[in-house]
Amino acid sequence: MSDNDSKLYYSIGEVAKMFEVNTSLIRFWEKEFDIIKPKKNKKGNRLFTKKDIDNFHVIFHLVKEKGFTLEGAKKKLKGNKEATINNADVVQSLQKIKKFLLELKEEL
């Protein structure tokens, strides 16, 4: 995700691009996970907030990176949501550090 957090709402296309997934997966996970609650404009277009994207990061981490099933991810979020979110945040921070270090290595 970009470091530009000043934006209030993101389109489904922008969210799909952030995670390099299809928009259909975004819509599917929206139905499956009640923590993703985009607003809809008059046209019916989904408008995702920063909180929705943060929640999507957690789901993405559990399902795509940790290999959880959808049911397993739902149980994990219900069981100890705070710890799960904190863990996903740590992983995301470490990935940013890794990317920075690899870029730094290329410059040396």
PDB file of N, CA and C in Angstrom:
ATOM      1  N   MET A   1       0.830  -1.167   0.000  1.00  0.00           N
ATOM      2  CA  MET A   1       0.000   0.000   0.000  1.00  0.00           C
ATOM      3  C   MET A   1       0.883   1.242   0.000  1.00  0.00           C
ATOM      4  N   SER A   2       0.409   2.288  -0.633  1.00  0.00           N
ATOM      5  CA  SER A   2       1.207   3.502  -0.699  1.00  0.00           C
ATOM      6  C   SER A   2       1.245   4.189   0.663  1.00  0.00           C
ATOM      7  N   ASP A   3       2.189   5.071   0.796  1.00  0.00           N
ATOM      8  CA  ASP A   3       2.320   5.805   2.050  1.00  0.00           C
ATOM      9  C   ASP A   3       1.400   7.015   2.092  1.00  0.00           C
ATOM     10  N   ASN A   4       0.594   7.214   1.049  1.00  0.00           N
ATOM     11  CA  ASN A   4      -0.331   8.341   1.004  1.00  0.00           C
ATOM     12  C   ASN A   4      -1.612   7.955   1.739  1.00  0.00           C
ATOM     13  N   ASP A   5      -1.641   8.227   3.033  1.00  0.00           N
ATOM     14  CA  ASP A   5      -2.794   7.858   3.848  1.00  0.00           C
ATOM     15  C   ASP A   5      -3.760   9.022   4.032  1.00  0.00           C
ATOM     16  N   SER A   6      -3.592  10.082   3.250  1.00  0.00           N
ATOM     17  CA  SER A   6      -4.456  11.244   3.405  1.00  0.00           C
ATOM     18  C   SER A   6      -5.806  11.050   2.708  1.00  0.00           C
ATOM     19  N   LYS A   7      -5.915  10.045   1.883  1.00  0.00           N
ATOM     20  CA  LYS A   7      -7.141   9.785   1.146  1.00  0.00           C
ATOM     21  C   LYS A   7      -8.194   9.164   2.066  1.00  0.00           C
ATOM     22  N   LEU A   8      -9.441   9.625   1.955  1.00  0.00           N
ATOM     23  CA  LEU A   8     -10.506   9.109   2.809  1.00  0.00           C
ATOM     24  C   LEU A   8     -11.089   7.803   2.298  1.00  0.00           C
ATOM     25  N   TYR A   9     -11.279   7.708   0.983  1.00  0.00           N
ATOM     26  CA  TYR A   9     -11.917   6.527   0.402  1.00  0.00           C
ATOM     27  C   TYR A   9     -11.116   6.011  -0.785  1.00  0.00           C
ATOM     28  N   TYR A  10     -11.162   4.707  -0.945  1.00  0.00           N
ATOM     29  CA  TYR A  10     -10.483   4.049  -2.056  1.00  0.00           C
ATOM     30  C   TYR A  10     -11.503   3.234  -2.833  1.00  0.00           C
ATOM     31  N   SER A  11     -11.365   3.232  -4.149  1.00  0.00           N
ATOM     32  CA  SER A  11     -12.271   2.438  -4.985  1.00  0.00           C
ATOM     33  C   SER A  11     -11.875   0.970  -4.902  1.00  0.00           C
ATOM     34  N   ILE A  12     -12.757   0.101  -5.360  1.00  0.00           N
ATOM     35  CA  ILE A  12     -12.462  -1.331  -5.340  1.00  0.00           C
ATOM     36  C   ILE A  12     -11.264  -1.637  -6.231  1.00  0.00           C
ATOM     37  N   GLY A  13     -11.140  -0.900  -7.333  1.00  0.00           N
ATOM     38  CA  GLY A  13      -9.993  -1.091  -8.225  1.00  0.00           C
ATOM     39  C   GLY A  13      -8.682  -0.731  -7.557  1.00  0.00           C
ATOM     40  N   GLU A  14      -8.687   0.359  -6.782  1.00  0.00           N
ATOM     41  CA  GLU A  14      -7.475   0.764  -6.070  1.00  0.00           C
ATOM     42  C   GLU A  14      -7.094  -0.269  -5.010  1.00  0.00           C
ATOM     43  N   VAL A  15      -8.090  -0.797  -4.308  1.00  0.00           N
ATOM     44  CA  VAL A  15      -7.818  -1.804  -3.281  1.00  0.00           C
ATOM     45  C   VAL A  15      -7.281  -3.079  -3.935  1.00  0.00           C
ATOM     46  N   ALA A  16      -7.890  -3.490  -5.032  1.00  0.00           N
ATOM     47  CA  ALA A  16      -7.425  -4.696  -5.741  1.00  0.00           C
ATOM     48  C   ALA A  16      -5.977  -4.520  -6.198  1.00  0.00           C
ATOM     49  N   LYS A  17      -5.654  -3.336  -6.676  1.00  0.00           N
ATOM     50  CA  LYS A  17      -4.288  -3.068  -7.139  1.00  0.00           C
ATOM     51  C   LYS A  17      -3.292  -3.110  -5.983  1.00  0.00           C
ATOM     52  N   MET A  18      -3.694  -2.581  -4.811  1.00  0.00           N
ATOM     53  CA  MET A  18      -2.815  -2.594  -3.633  1.00  0.00           C
ATOM     54  C   MET A  18      -2.381  -4.011  -3.272  1.00  0.00           C
ATOM     55  N   PHE A  19      -3.329  -4.944  -3.396  1.00  0.00           N
ATOM     56  CA  PHE A  19      -3.066  -6.327  -2.975  1.00  0.00           C
ATOM     57  C   PHE A  19      -2.753  -7.255  -4.141  1.00  0.00           C
ATOM     58  N   GLU A  20      -2.772  -6.685  -5.359  1.00  0.00           N
ATOM     59  CA  GLU A  20      -2.512  -7.465  -6.572  1.00  0.00           C
ATOM     60  C   GLU A  20      -3.452  -8.660  -6.679  1.00  0.00           C
ATOM     61  N   VAL A  21      -4.747  -8.372  -6.493  1.00  0.00           N
ATOM     62  CA  VAL A  21      -5.794  -9.391  -6.625  1.00  0.00           C
ATOM     63  C   VAL A  21      -6.899  -8.847  -7.528  1.00  0.00           C
ATOM     64  N   ASN A  22      -7.800  -9.716  -7.934  1.00  0.00           N
ATOM     65  CA  ASN A  22      -8.941  -9.293  -8.742  1.00  0.00           C
ATOM     66  C   ASN A  22      -9.994  -8.624  -7.867  1.00  0.00           C
ATOM     67  N   THR A  23     -10.769  -7.735  -8.477  1.00  0.00           N
ATOM     68  CA  THR A  23     -11.844  -7.069  -7.737  1.00  0.00           C
ATOM     69  C   THR A  23     -12.878  -8.080  -7.258  1.00  0.00           C
ATOM     70  N   SER A  24     -13.014  -9.195  -7.976  1.00  0.00           N
ATOM     71  CA  SER A  24     -13.984 -10.212  -7.553  1.00  0.00           C
ATOM     72  C   SER A  24     -13.608 -10.789  -6.188  1.00  0.00           C
ATOM     73  N   LEU A  25     -12.312 -10.906  -5.899  1.00  0.00           N
ATOM     74  CA  LEU A  25     -11.876 -11.403  -4.590  1.00  0.00           C
ATOM     75  C   LEU A  25     -12.223 -10.392  -3.498  1.00  0.00           C
ATOM     76  N   ILE A  26     -12.088  -9.118  -3.802  1.00  0.00           N
ATOM     77  CA  ILE A  26     -12.447  -8.077  -2.837  1.00  0.00           C
ATOM     78  C   ILE A  26     -13.936  -8.192  -2.497  1.00  0.00           C
ATOM     79  N   ARG A  27     -14.773  -8.316  -3.530  1.00  0.00           N
ATOM     80  CA  ARG A  27     -16.221  -8.434  -3.307  1.00  0.00           C
ATOM     81  C   ARG A  27     -16.547  -9.706  -2.534  1.00  0.00           C
ATOM     82  N   PHE A  28     -15.882 -10.799  -2.866  1.00  0.00           N
ATOM     83  CA  PHE A  28     -16.126 -12.075  -2.188  1.00  0.00           C
ATOM     84  C   PHE A  28     -15.768 -11.976  -0.711  1.00  0.00           C
ATOM     85  N   TRP A  29     -14.583 -11.445  -0.406  1.00  0.00           N
ATOM     86  CA  TRP A  29     -14.168 -11.333   0.992  1.00  0.00           C
ATOM     87  C   TRP A  29     -15.037 -10.346   1.747  1.00  0.00           C
ATOM     88  N   GLU A  30     -15.543  -9.344   1.060  1.00  0.00           N
ATOM     89  CA  GLU A  30     -16.469  -8.403   1.708  1.00  0.00           C
ATOM     90  C   GLU A  30     -17.705  -9.149   2.212  1.00  0.00           C
ATOM     91  N   LYS A  31     -18.196 -10.095   1.411  1.00  0.00           N
ATOM     92  CA  LYS A  31     -19.364 -10.891   1.808  1.00  0.00           C
ATOM     93  C   LYS A  31     -19.016 -11.876   2.918  1.00  0.00           C
ATOM     94  N   GLU A  32     -17.832 -12.442   2.861  1.00  0.00           N
ATOM     95  CA  GLU A  32     -17.424 -13.475   3.811  1.00  0.00           C
ATOM     96  C   GLU A  32     -17.022 -12.932   5.183  1.00  0.00           C
ATOM     97  N   PHE A  33     -16.426 -11.747   5.213  1.00  0.00           N
ATOM     98  CA  PHE A  33     -15.883 -11.200   6.462  1.00  0.00           C
ATOM     99  C   PHE A  33     -16.627  -9.924   6.831  1.00  0.00           C
ATOM    100  N   ASP A  34     -17.253  -9.939   7.989  1.00  0.00           N
ATOM    101  CA  ASP A  34     -18.049  -8.782   8.401  1.00  0.00           C
ATOM    102  C   ASP A  34     -17.210  -7.597   8.871  1.00  0.00           C
ATOM    103  N   ILE A  35     -15.880  -7.747   8.944  1.00  0.00           N
ATOM    104  CA  ILE A  35     -15.050  -6.606   9.345  1.00  0.00           C
ATOM    105  C   ILE A  35     -14.752  -5.686   8.159  1.00  0.00           C
ATOM    106  N   ILE A  36     -15.079  -6.121   6.952  1.00  0.00           N
ATOM    107  CA  ILE A  36     -14.919  -5.262   5.780  1.00  0.00           C
ATOM    108  C   ILE A  36     -16.292  -4.708   5.438  1.00  0.00           C
ATOM    109  N   LYS A  37     -16.442  -3.397   5.649  1.00  0.00           N
ATOM    110  CA  LYS A  37     -17.747  -2.755   5.469  1.00  0.00           C
ATOM    111  C   LYS A  37     -17.606  -1.488   4.645  1.00  0.00           C
ATOM    112  N   PRO A  38     -17.420  -1.618   3.332  1.00  0.00           N
ATOM    113  CA  PRO A  38     -17.283  -0.396   2.530  1.00  0.00           C
ATOM    114  C   PRO A  38     -18.597   0.370   2.456  1.00  0.00           C
ATOM    115  N   LYS A  39     -18.475   1.672   2.330  1.00  0.00           N
ATOM    116  CA  LYS A  39     -19.647   2.499   2.089  1.00  0.00           C
ATOM    117  C   LYS A  39     -19.949   2.397   0.603  1.00  0.00           C
ATOM    118  N   LYS A  40     -21.156   2.755   0.216  1.00  0.00           N
ATOM    119  CA  LYS A  40     -21.493   2.764  -1.206  1.00  0.00           C
ATOM    120  C   LYS A  40     -22.038   4.137  -1.571  1.00  0.00           C
ATOM    121  N   ASN A  41     -21.618   4.617  -2.737  1.00  0.00           N
ATOM    122  CA  ASN A  41     -22.130   5.913  -3.177  1.00  0.00           C
ATOM    123  C   ASN A  41     -23.477   5.718  -3.880  1.00  0.00           C
ATOM    124  N   LYS A  42     -24.019   6.787  -4.417  1.00  0.00           N
ATOM    125  CA  LYS A  42     -25.343   6.721  -5.050  1.00  0.00           C
ATOM    126  C   LYS A  42     -25.378   5.752  -6.222  1.00  0.00           C
ATOM    127  N   LYS A  43     -24.257   5.603  -6.899  1.00  0.00           N
ATOM    128  CA  LYS A  43     -24.172   4.674  -8.037  1.00  0.00           C
ATOM    129  C   LYS A  43     -24.029   3.221  -7.581  1.00  0.00           C
ATOM    130  N   GLY A  44     -23.759   3.023  -6.299  1.00  0.00           N
ATOM    131  CA  GLY A  44     -23.554   1.676  -5.777  1.00  0.00           C
ATOM    132  C   GLY A  44     -22.098   1.249  -5.771  1.00  0.00           C
ATOM    133  N   ASN A  45     -21.192   2.154  -6.108  1.00  0.00           N
ATOM    134  CA  ASN A  45     -19.761   1.842  -6.087  1.00  0.00           C
ATOM    135  C   ASN A  45     -19.278   1.747  -4.646  1.00  0.00           C
ATOM    136  N   ARG A  46     -18.431   0.774  -4.398  1.00  0.00           N
ATOM    137  CA  ARG A  46     -17.886   0.590  -3.061  1.00  0.00           C
ATOM    138  C   ARG A  46     -16.808   1.633  -2.782  1.00  0.00           C
ATOM    139  N   LEU A  47     -16.831   2.170  -1.570  1.00  0.00           N
ATOM    140  CA  LEU A  47     -15.826   3.128  -1.127  1.00  0.00           C
ATOM    141  C   LEU A  47     -15.201   2.589   0.147  1.00  0.00           C
ATOM    142  N   PHE A  48     -13.960   2.158   0.041  1.00  0.00           N
ATOM    143  CA  PHE A  48     -13.271   1.537   1.164  1.00  0.00           C
ATOM    144  C   PHE A  48     -12.499   2.575   1.958  1.00  0.00           C
ATOM    145  N   THR A  49     -12.599   2.501   3.288  1.00  0.00           N
ATOM    146  CA  THR A  49     -11.861   3.399   4.172  1.00  0.00           C
ATOM    147  C   THR A  49     -10.505   2.773   4.503  1.00  0.00           C
ATOM    148  N   LYS A  50      -9.671   3.557   5.164  1.00  0.00           N
ATOM    149  CA  LYS A  50      -8.366   3.054   5.625  1.00  0.00           C
ATOM    150  C   LYS A  50      -8.567   1.864   6.564  1.00  0.00           C
ATOM    151  N   LYS A  51      -9.609   1.923   7.392  1.00  0.00           N
ATOM    152  CA  LYS A  51      -9.885   0.812   8.313  1.00  0.00           C
ATOM    153  C   LYS A  51     -10.246  -0.461   7.540  1.00  0.00           C
ATOM    154  N   ASP A  52     -11.056  -0.328   6.473  1.00  0.00           N
ATOM    155  CA  ASP A  52     -11.380  -1.488   5.640  1.00  0.00           C
ATOM    156  C   ASP A  52     -10.110  -2.092   5.057  1.00  0.00           C
ATOM    157  N   ILE A  53      -9.217  -1.233   4.604  1.00  0.00           N
ATOM    158  CA  ILE A  53      -7.969  -1.712   4.002  1.00  0.00           C
ATOM    159  C   ILE A  53      -7.092  -2.382   5.053  1.00  0.00           C
ATOM    160  N   ASP A  54      -7.043  -1.810   6.244  1.00  0.00           N
ATOM    161  CA  ASP A  54      -6.290  -2.448   7.340  1.00  0.00           C
ATOM    162  C   ASP A  54      -6.862  -3.837   7.641  1.00  0.00           C
ATOM    163  N   ASN A  55      -8.187  -3.936   7.673  1.00  0.00           N
ATOM    164  CA  ASN A  55      -8.833  -5.230   7.909  1.00  0.00           C
ATOM    165  C   ASN A  55      -8.556  -6.195   6.762  1.00  0.00           C
ATOM    166  N   PHE A  56      -8.542  -5.669   5.555  1.00  0.00           N
ATOM    167  CA  PHE A  56      -8.231  -6.518   4.406  1.00  0.00           C
ATOM    168  C   PHE A  56      -6.799  -7.032   4.498  1.00  0.00           C
ATOM    169  N   HIS A  57      -5.882  -6.202   5.005  1.00  0.00           N
ATOM    170  CA  HIS A  57      -4.494  -6.637   5.222  1.00  0.00           C
ATOM    171  C   HIS A  57      -4.460  -7.851   6.147  1.00  0.00           C
ATOM    172  N   VAL A  58      -5.239  -7.809   7.208  1.00  0.00           N
ATOM    173  CA  VAL A  58      -5.260  -8.911   8.175  1.00  0.00           C
ATOM    174  C   VAL A  58      -5.782 -10.181   7.505  1.00  0.00           C
ATOM    175  N   ILE A  59      -6.877 -10.062   6.778  1.00  0.00           N
ATOM    176  CA  ILE A  59      -7.457 -11.225   6.091  1.00  0.00           C
ATOM    177  C   ILE A  59      -6.474 -11.758   5.055  1.00  0.00           C
ATOM    178  N   PHE A  60      -5.876 -10.863   4.288  1.00  0.00           N
ATOM    179  CA  PHE A  60      -4.899 -11.254   3.267  1.00  0.00           C
ATOM    180  C   PHE A  60      -3.737 -12.002   3.921  1.00  0.00           C
ATOM    181  N   HIS A  61      -3.271 -11.466   5.048  1.00  0.00           N
ATOM    182  CA  HIS A  61      -2.170 -12.105   5.778  1.00  0.00           C
ATOM    183  C   HIS A  61      -2.547 -13.530   6.199  1.00  0.00           C
ATOM    184  N   LEU A  62      -3.724 -13.683   6.767  1.00  0.00           N
ATOM    185  CA  LEU A  62      -4.147 -15.006   7.245  1.00  0.00           C
ATOM    186  C   LEU A  62      -4.350 -15.994   6.104  1.00  0.00           C
ATOM    187  N   VAL A  63      -5.034 -15.565   5.061  1.00  0.00           N
ATOM    188  CA  VAL A  63      -5.424 -16.489   3.990  1.00  0.00           C
ATOM    189  C   VAL A  63      -4.305 -16.707   2.973  1.00  0.00           C
ATOM    190  N   LYS A  64      -3.723 -15.636   2.484  1.00  0.00           N
ATOM    191  CA  LYS A  64      -2.734 -15.746   1.407  1.00  0.00           C
ATOM    192  C   LYS A  64      -1.326 -16.025   1.899  1.00  0.00           C
ATOM    193  N   GLU A  65      -0.954 -15.453   3.046  1.00  0.00           N
ATOM    194  CA  GLU A  65       0.415 -15.617   3.526  1.00  0.00           C
ATOM    195  C   GLU A  65       0.554 -16.756   4.530  1.00  0.00           C
ATOM    196  N   LYS A  66      -0.433 -16.934   5.392  1.00  0.00           N
ATOM    197  CA  LYS A  66      -0.355 -17.988   6.406  1.00  0.00           C
ATOM    198  C   LYS A  66      -1.058 -19.274   5.988  1.00  0.00           C
ATOM    199  N   GLY A  67      -1.859 -19.227   4.911  1.00  0.00           N
ATOM    200  CA  GLY A  67      -2.496 -20.431   4.395  1.00  0.00           C
ATOM    201  C   GLY A  67      -3.764 -20.861   5.118  1.00  0.00           C
ATOM    202  N   PHE A  68      -4.393 -19.959   5.859  1.00  0.00           N
ATOM    203  CA  PHE A  68      -5.638 -20.294   6.540  1.00  0.00           C
ATOM    204  C   PHE A  68      -6.761 -20.488   5.519  1.00  0.00           C
ATOM    205  N   THR A  69      -7.699 -21.373   5.853  1.00  0.00           N
ATOM    206  CA  THR A  69      -8.937 -21.444   5.084  1.00  0.00           C
ATOM    207  C   THR A  69      -9.782 -20.239   5.482  1.00  0.00           C
ATOM    208  N   LEU A  70     -10.832 -19.961   4.722  1.00  0.00           N
ATOM    209  CA  LEU A  70     -11.702 -18.842   5.089  1.00  0.00           C
ATOM    210  C   LEU A  70     -12.315 -19.068   6.460  1.00  0.00           C
ATOM    211  N   GLU A  71     -12.765 -20.294   6.719  1.00  0.00           N
ATOM    212  CA  GLU A  71     -13.352 -20.597   8.032  1.00  0.00           C
ATOM    213  C   GLU A  71     -12.309 -20.451   9.138  1.00  0.00           C
ATOM    214  N   GLY A  72     -11.096 -20.911   8.861  1.00  0.00           N
ATOM    215  CA  GLY A  72     -10.023 -20.787   9.845  1.00  0.00           C
ATOM    216  C   GLY A  72      -9.700 -19.331  10.141  1.00  0.00           C
ATOM    217  N   ALA A  73      -9.693 -18.510   9.099  1.00  0.00           N
ATOM    218  CA  ALA A  73      -9.428 -17.078   9.273  1.00  0.00           C
ATOM    219  C   ALA A  73     -10.543 -16.425  10.086  1.00  0.00           C
ATOM    220  N   LYS A  74     -11.782 -16.810   9.805  1.00  0.00           N
ATOM    221  CA  LYS A  74     -12.915 -16.244  10.564  1.00  0.00           C
ATOM    222  C   LYS A  74     -12.800 -16.602  12.038  1.00  0.00           C
ATOM    223  N   LYS A  75     -12.457 -17.869  12.329  1.00  0.00           N
ATOM    224  CA  LYS A  75     -12.310 -18.297  13.724  1.00  0.00           C
ATOM    225  C   LYS A  75     -11.169 -17.560  14.406  1.00  0.00           C
ATOM    226  N   LYS A  76     -10.072 -17.390  13.693  1.00  0.00           N
ATOM    227  CA  LYS A  76      -8.908 -16.692  14.246  1.00  0.00           C
ATOM    228  C   LYS A  76      -9.277 -15.250  14.589  1.00  0.00           C
ATOM    229  N   LEU A  77     -10.021 -14.605  13.716  1.00  0.00           N
ATOM    230  CA  LEU A  77     -10.436 -13.216  13.965  1.00  0.00           C
ATOM    231  C   LEU A  77     -11.416 -13.122  15.122  1.00  0.00           C
ATOM    232  N   LYS A  78     -12.288 -14.114  15.261  1.00  0.00           N
ATOM    233  CA  LYS A  78     -13.241 -14.099  16.376  1.00  0.00           C
ATOM    234  C   LYS A  78     -12.551 -14.435  17.684  1.00  0.00           C
ATOM    235  N   GLY A  79     -11.574 -15.344  17.622  1.00  0.00           N
ATOM    236  CA  GLY A  79     -10.901 -15.797  18.838  1.00  0.00           C
ATOM    237  C   GLY A  79     -10.068 -14.727  19.505  1.00  0.00           C
ATOM    238  N   ASN A  80      -9.162 -14.136  18.757  1.00  0.00           N
ATOM    239  CA  ASN A  80      -8.287 -13.118  19.335  1.00  0.00           C
ATOM    240  C   ASN A  80      -7.945 -12.116  18.249  1.00  0.00           C
ATOM    241  N   LYS A  81      -8.907 -11.304  17.905  1.00  0.00           N
ATOM    242  CA  LYS A  81      -8.778 -10.353  16.801  1.00  0.00           C
ATOM    243  C   LYS A  81      -7.605  -9.402  17.017  1.00  0.00           C
ATOM    244  N   GLU A  82      -7.460  -8.887  18.226  1.00  0.00           N
ATOM    245  CA  GLU A  82      -6.407  -7.897  18.510  1.00  0.00           C
ATOM    246  C   GLU A  82      -5.016  -8.475  18.264  1.00  0.00           C
ATOM    247  N   ALA A  83      -4.766  -9.677  18.763  1.00  0.00           N
ATOM    248  CA  ALA A  83      -3.461 -10.304  18.568  1.00  0.00           C
ATOM    249  C   ALA A  83      -3.222 -10.616  17.094  1.00  0.00           C
ATOM    250  N   THR A  84      -4.261 -11.028  16.396  1.00  0.00           N
ATOM    251  CA  THR A  84      -4.147 -11.332  14.968  1.00  0.00           C
ATOM    252  C   THR A  84      -3.794 -10.073  14.185  1.00  0.00           C
ATOM    253  N   ILE A  85      -4.454  -8.976  14.509  1.00  0.00           N
ATOM    254  CA  ILE A  85      -4.185  -7.706  13.839  1.00  0.00           C
ATOM    255  C   ILE A  85      -2.766  -7.238  14.138  1.00  0.00           C
ATOM    256  N   ASN A  86      -2.349  -7.345  15.393  1.00  0.00           N
ATOM    257  CA  ASN A  86      -0.992  -6.940  15.775  1.00  0.00           C
ATOM    258  C   ASN A  86       0.049  -7.764  15.038  1.00  0.00           C
ATOM    259  N   ASN A  87      -0.185  -9.070  14.918  1.00  0.00           N
ATOM    260  CA  ASN A  87       0.731  -9.952  14.212  1.00  0.00           C
ATOM    261  C   ASN A  87       0.830  -9.549  12.746  1.00  0.00           C
ATOM    262  N   ALA A  88      -0.308  -9.271  12.115  1.00  0.00           N
ATOM    263  CA  ALA A  88      -0.319  -8.859  10.705  1.00  0.00           C
ATOM    264  C   ALA A  88       0.420  -7.531  10.537  1.00  0.00           C
ATOM    265  N   ASP A  89       0.257  -6.627  11.499  1.00  0.00           N
ATOM    266  CA  ASP A  89       0.963  -5.337  11.450  1.00  0.00           C
ATOM    267  C   ASP A  89       2.473  -5.538  11.534  1.00  0.00           C
ATOM    268  N   VAL A  90       2.909  -6.436  12.399  1.00  0.00           N
ATOM    269  CA  VAL A  90       4.335  -6.721  12.538  1.00  0.00           C
ATOM    270  C   VAL A  90       4.887  -7.288  11.236  1.00  0.00           C
ATOM    271  N   VAL A  91       4.167  -8.230  10.643  1.00  0.00           N
ATOM    272  CA  VAL A  91       4.610  -8.828   9.384  1.00  0.00           C
ATOM    273  C   VAL A  91       4.712  -7.763   8.296  1.00  0.00           C
ATOM    274  N   GLN A  92       3.719  -6.886   8.236  1.00  0.00           N
ATOM    275  CA  GLN A  92       3.726  -5.818   7.237  1.00  0.00           C
ATOM    276  C   GLN A  92       4.925  -4.887   7.446  1.00  0.00           C
ATOM    277  N   SER A  93       5.206  -4.545   8.682  1.00  0.00           N
ATOM    278  CA  SER A  93       6.358  -3.681   8.988  1.00  0.00           C
ATOM    279  C   SER A  93       7.659  -4.360   8.595  1.00  0.00           C
ATOM    280  N   LEU A  94       7.781  -5.629   8.902  1.00  0.00           N
ATOM    281  CA  LEU A  94       8.990  -6.371   8.542  1.00  0.00           C
ATOM    282  C   LEU A  94       9.164  -6.461   7.028  1.00  0.00           C
ATOM    283  N   GLN A  95       8.056  -6.597   6.298  1.00  0.00           N
ATOM    284  CA  GLN A  95       8.141  -6.643   4.835  1.00  0.00           C
ATOM    285  C   GLN A  95       8.628  -5.306   4.278  1.00  0.00           C
ATOM    286  N   LYS A  96       8.176  -4.198   4.873  1.00  0.00           N
ATOM    287  CA  LYS A  96       8.641  -2.874   4.443  1.00  0.00           C
ATOM    288  C   LYS A  96      10.133  -2.723   4.713  1.00  0.00           C
ATOM    289  N   ILE A  97      10.576  -3.199   5.885  1.00  0.00           N
ATOM    290  CA  ILE A  97      11.996  -3.120   6.235  1.00  0.00           C
ATOM    291  C   ILE A  97      12.810  -3.963   5.268  1.00  0.00           C
ATOM    292  N   LYS A  98      12.332  -5.153   4.967  1.00  0.00           N
ATOM    293  CA  LYS A  98      13.031  -6.037   4.035  1.00  0.00           C
ATOM    294  C   LYS A  98      13.158  -5.366   2.663  1.00  0.00           C
ATOM    295  N   LYS A  99      12.074  -4.780   2.189  1.00  0.00           N
ATOM    296  CA  LYS A  99      12.091  -4.101   0.894  1.00  0.00           C
ATOM    297  C   LYS A  99      13.121  -2.969   0.907  1.00  0.00           C
ATOM    298  N   PHE A 100      13.117  -2.173   1.978  1.00  0.00           N
ATOM    299  CA  PHE A 100      14.075  -1.077   2.106  1.00  0.00           C
ATOM    300  C   PHE A 100      15.511  -1.604   2.089  1.00  0.00           C
ATOM    301  N   LEU A 101      15.762  -2.658   2.852  1.00  0.00           N
ATOM    302  CA  LEU A 101      17.122  -3.203   2.926  1.00  0.00           C
ATOM    303  C   LEU A 101      17.575  -3.778   1.582  1.00  0.00           C
ATOM    304  N   LEU A 102      16.648  -4.421   0.858  1.00  0.00           N
ATOM    305  CA  LEU A 102      16.999  -4.954  -0.457  1.00  0.00           C
ATOM    306  C   LEU A 102      17.300  -3.821  -1.435  1.00  0.00           C
ATOM    307  N   GLU A 103      16.541  -2.739  -1.355  1.00  0.00           N
ATOM    308  CA  GLU A 103      16.814  -1.580  -2.211  1.00  0.00           C
ATOM    309  C   GLU A 103      18.160  -0.956  -1.854  1.00  0.00           C
ATOM    310  N   LEU A 104      18.439  -0.890  -0.567  1.00  0.00           N
ATOM    311  CA  LEU A 104      19.715  -0.352  -0.097  1.00  0.00           C
ATOM    312  C   LEU A 104      20.871  -1.215  -0.582  1.00  0.00           C
ATOM    313  N   LYS A 105      20.700  -2.517  -0.538  1.00  0.00           N
ATOM    314  CA  LYS A 105      21.715  -3.453  -0.990  1.00  0.00           C
ATOM    315  C   LYS A 105      22.005  -3.255  -2.470  1.00  0.00           C
ATOM    316  N   GLU A 106      20.951  -3.028  -3.264  1.00  0.00           N
ATOM    317  CA  GLU A 106      21.131  -2.803  -4.698  1.00  0.00           C
ATOM    318  C   GLU A 106      21.940  -1.545  -4.978  1.00  0.00           C
ATOM    319  N   GLU A 107      21.805  -0.546  -4.125  1.00  0.00           N
ATOM    320  CA  GLU A 107      22.522   0.710  -4.315  1.00  0.00           C
ATOM    321  C   GLU A 107      23.996   0.602  -3.946  1.00  0.00           C
ATOM    322  N   LEU A 108      24.361  -0.393  -3.141  1.00  0.00           N
ATOM    323  CA  LEU A 108      25.746  -0.542  -2.696  1.00  0.00           C
ATOM    324  C   LEU A 108      26.629  -1.172  -3.707  1.00  0.00           C
TER     325      LEU A 108
END
